[in-house]
C-alpha atoms as a PDB file:
ATOM      1  CA  MET A   1     -33.254  -9.240-161.895  1.00  0.00           C
ATOM      2  CA  ARG A   2     -36.935  -9.038-161.032  1.00  0.00           C
ATOM      3  CA  PHE A   3     -38.140  -9.355-164.602  1.00  0.00           C
ATOM      4  CA  SER A   4     -35.526 -11.825-165.821  1.00  0.00           C
ATOM      5  CA  THR A   5     -35.926 -15.584-165.749  1.00  0.00           C
ATOM      6  CA  VAL A   6     -32.729 -16.303-163.851  1.00  0.00           C
ATOM      7  CA  PHE A   7     -34.463 -18.185-161.042  1.00  0.00           C
ATOM      8  CA  TYR A   8     -37.277 -19.875-162.988  1.00  0.00           C
ATOM      9  CA  PRO A   9     -38.194 -20.450-166.654  1.00  0.00           C
ATOM     10  CA  LEU A  10     -40.368 -18.048-168.623  1.00  0.00           C
ATOM     11  CA  ILE A  11     -43.193 -20.587-168.808  1.00  0.00           C
ATOM     12  CA  VAL A  12     -43.870 -20.371-165.041  1.00  0.00           C
ATOM     13  CA  MET A  13     -43.632 -16.566-164.907  1.00  0.00           C
ATOM     14  CA  PRO A  14     -46.895 -14.627-164.437  1.00  0.00           C
ATOM     15  CA  ASN A  15     -48.439 -13.430-167.698  1.00  0.00           C
ATOM     16  CA  TYR A  16     -48.121  -9.753-166.788  1.00  0.00           C
ATOM     17  CA  TYR A  17     -44.320 -10.103-166.319  1.00  0.00           C
ATOM     18  CA  SER A  18     -43.522 -12.147-169.412  1.00  0.00           C
ATOM     19  CA  PRO A  19     -43.572  -9.290-171.996  1.00  0.00           C
ATOM     20  CA  ILE A  20     -41.140  -7.303-169.850  1.00  0.00           C
ATOM     21  CA  SER A  21     -38.881 -10.280-169.181  1.00  0.00           C
ATOM     22  CA  VAL A  22     -38.378 -10.886-172.901  1.00  0.00           C
ATOM     23  CA  LEU A  23     -36.599  -7.499-173.062  1.00  0.00           C
ATOM     24  CA  SER A  24     -33.989  -8.547-170.489  1.00  0.00           C
ATOM     25  CA  PRO A  25     -30.749 -10.096-171.806  1.00  0.00           C
ATOM     26  CA  LEU A  26     -30.531 -12.111-168.574  1.00  0.00           C
ATOM     27  CA  THR A  27     -33.556 -14.084-169.735  1.00  0.00           C
ATOM     28  CA  TYR A  28     -31.717 -15.274-172.831  1.00  0.00           C
ATOM     29  CA  GLY A  29     -28.500 -15.991-170.954  1.00  0.00           C
ATOM     30  CA  ALA A  30     -30.343 -17.999-168.316  1.00  0.00           C
ATOM     31  CA  ASP A  31     -32.256 -20.041-170.893  1.00  0.00           C
ATOM     32  CA  LEU A  32     -29.077 -20.669-172.874  1.00  0.00           C
ATOM     33  CA  THR A  33     -27.391 -21.915-169.701  1.00  0.00           C
ATOM     34  CA  ARG A  34     -30.362 -24.159-168.918  1.00  0.00           C
ATOM     35  CA  TRP A  35     -30.216 -25.565-172.452  1.00  0.00           C
ATOM     36  CA  VAL A  36     -26.478 -26.322-172.117  1.00  0.00           C
ATOM     37  CA  LEU A  37     -27.148 -28.034-168.777  1.00  0.00           C
ATOM     38  CA  GLY A  38     -29.742 -30.290-170.403  1.00  0.00           C
ATOM     39  CA  PHE A  39     -33.042 -28.886-169.188  1.00  0.00           C
ATOM     40  CA  ASP A  40     -36.185 -29.802-171.113  1.00  0.00           C
ATOM     41  CA  PRO A  41     -36.168 -27.622-174.284  1.00  0.00           C
ATOM     42  CA  LYS A  42     -39.964 -27.278-174.382  1.00  0.00           C
ATOM     43  CA  TYR A  43     -39.736 -24.937-171.361  1.00  0.00           C
ATOM     44  CA  LEU A  44     -36.972 -22.781-172.849  1.00  0.00           C
ATOM     45  CA  LEU A  45     -36.584 -20.137-175.527  1.00  0.00           C
ATOM     46  CA  ASN A  46     -34.993 -21.048-178.847  1.00  0.00           C
ATOM     47  CA  PRO A  47     -31.268 -21.628-178.129  1.00  0.00           C
ATOM     48  CA  LEU A  48     -30.203 -20.007-181.419  1.00  0.00           C
ATOM     49  CA  LEU A  49     -32.141 -16.858-180.555  1.00  0.00           C
ATOM     50  CA  ALA A  50     -30.700 -16.877-177.042  1.00  0.00           C
ATOM     51  CA  ALA A  51     -27.152 -17.266-178.375  1.00  0.00           C
ATOM     52  CA  ALA A  52     -27.709 -14.446-180.872  1.00  0.00           C
ATOM     53  CA  VAL A  53     -29.030 -12.066-178.208  1.00  0.00           C
ATOM     54  CA  VAL A  54     -26.232 -12.886-175.757  1.00  0.00           C
ATOM     55  CA  THR A  55     -23.614 -12.437-178.497  1.00  0.00           C
ATOM     56  CA  ALA A  56     -25.143  -9.142-179.657  1.00  0.00           C
ATOM     57  CA  VAL A  57     -25.223  -7.760-176.122  1.00  0.00           C
ATOM     58  CA  ALA A  58     -21.616  -8.835-175.532  1.00  0.00           C
ATOM     59  CA  ILE A  59     -20.383  -7.249-178.767  1.00  0.00           C
ATOM     60  CA  GLY A  60     -22.421  -4.102-178.162  1.00  0.00           C
ATOM     61  CA  THR A  61     -21.144  -3.549-174.641  1.00  0.00           C
ATOM     62  CA  LEU A  62     -17.578  -4.348-175.681  1.00  0.00           C
ATOM     63  CA  SER A  63     -17.659  -1.817-178.517  1.00  0.00           C
ATOM     64  CA  LEU A  64     -19.286   0.803-176.289  1.00  0.00           C
ATOM     65  CA  SER A  65     -16.682   0.326-173.571  1.00  0.00           C
ATOM     66  CA  THR A  66     -13.887   0.525-176.160  1.00  0.00           C
ATOM     67  CA  ARG A  67     -15.202   3.871-177.384  1.00  0.00           C
ATOM     68  CA  VAL A  68     -15.541   5.215-173.854  1.00  0.00           C
ATOM     69  CA  VAL A  69     -12.004   4.172-172.926  1.00  0.00           C
ATOM     70  CA  ASP A  70     -10.636   5.647-176.170  1.00  0.00           C
ATOM     71  CA  ARG A  71     -12.285   8.987-175.429  1.00  0.00           C
ATOM     72  CA  ILE A  72     -10.963   8.983-171.871  1.00  0.00           C
ATOM     73  CA  ILE A  73      -7.430   8.183-173.018  1.00  0.00           C
ATOM     74  CA  GLU A  74      -7.588  10.783-175.806  1.00  0.00           C
ATOM     75  CA  GLY A  75      -8.822  13.338-173.284  1.00  0.00           C
ATOM     76  CA  VAL A  76      -5.851  12.606-171.027  1.00  0.00           C
ATOM     77  CA  LYS A  77      -3.376  12.905-173.915  1.00  0.00           C
ATOM     78  CA  ALA A  78      -4.831  16.245-175.022  1.00  0.00           C
ATOM     79  CA  ALA A  79      -4.553  17.762-171.544  1.00  0.00           C
END
């Protein structure tokens, strides 16, 4: 949470935090939410990029959790 832009836009974040905050998916989700709510787009990241990152993270975590659950269930069946 410290390096994401959940509480304030990336433009007001200190320069030494901004490269780290770009790596956080919360940054993209927060900016996408601000865009949907009608905040000024000049202070936000590109909404298409934000939507792509949020979608990729959602699909990635969903597929990872599916694999983990499959392995757990297969382990129970084999025992």
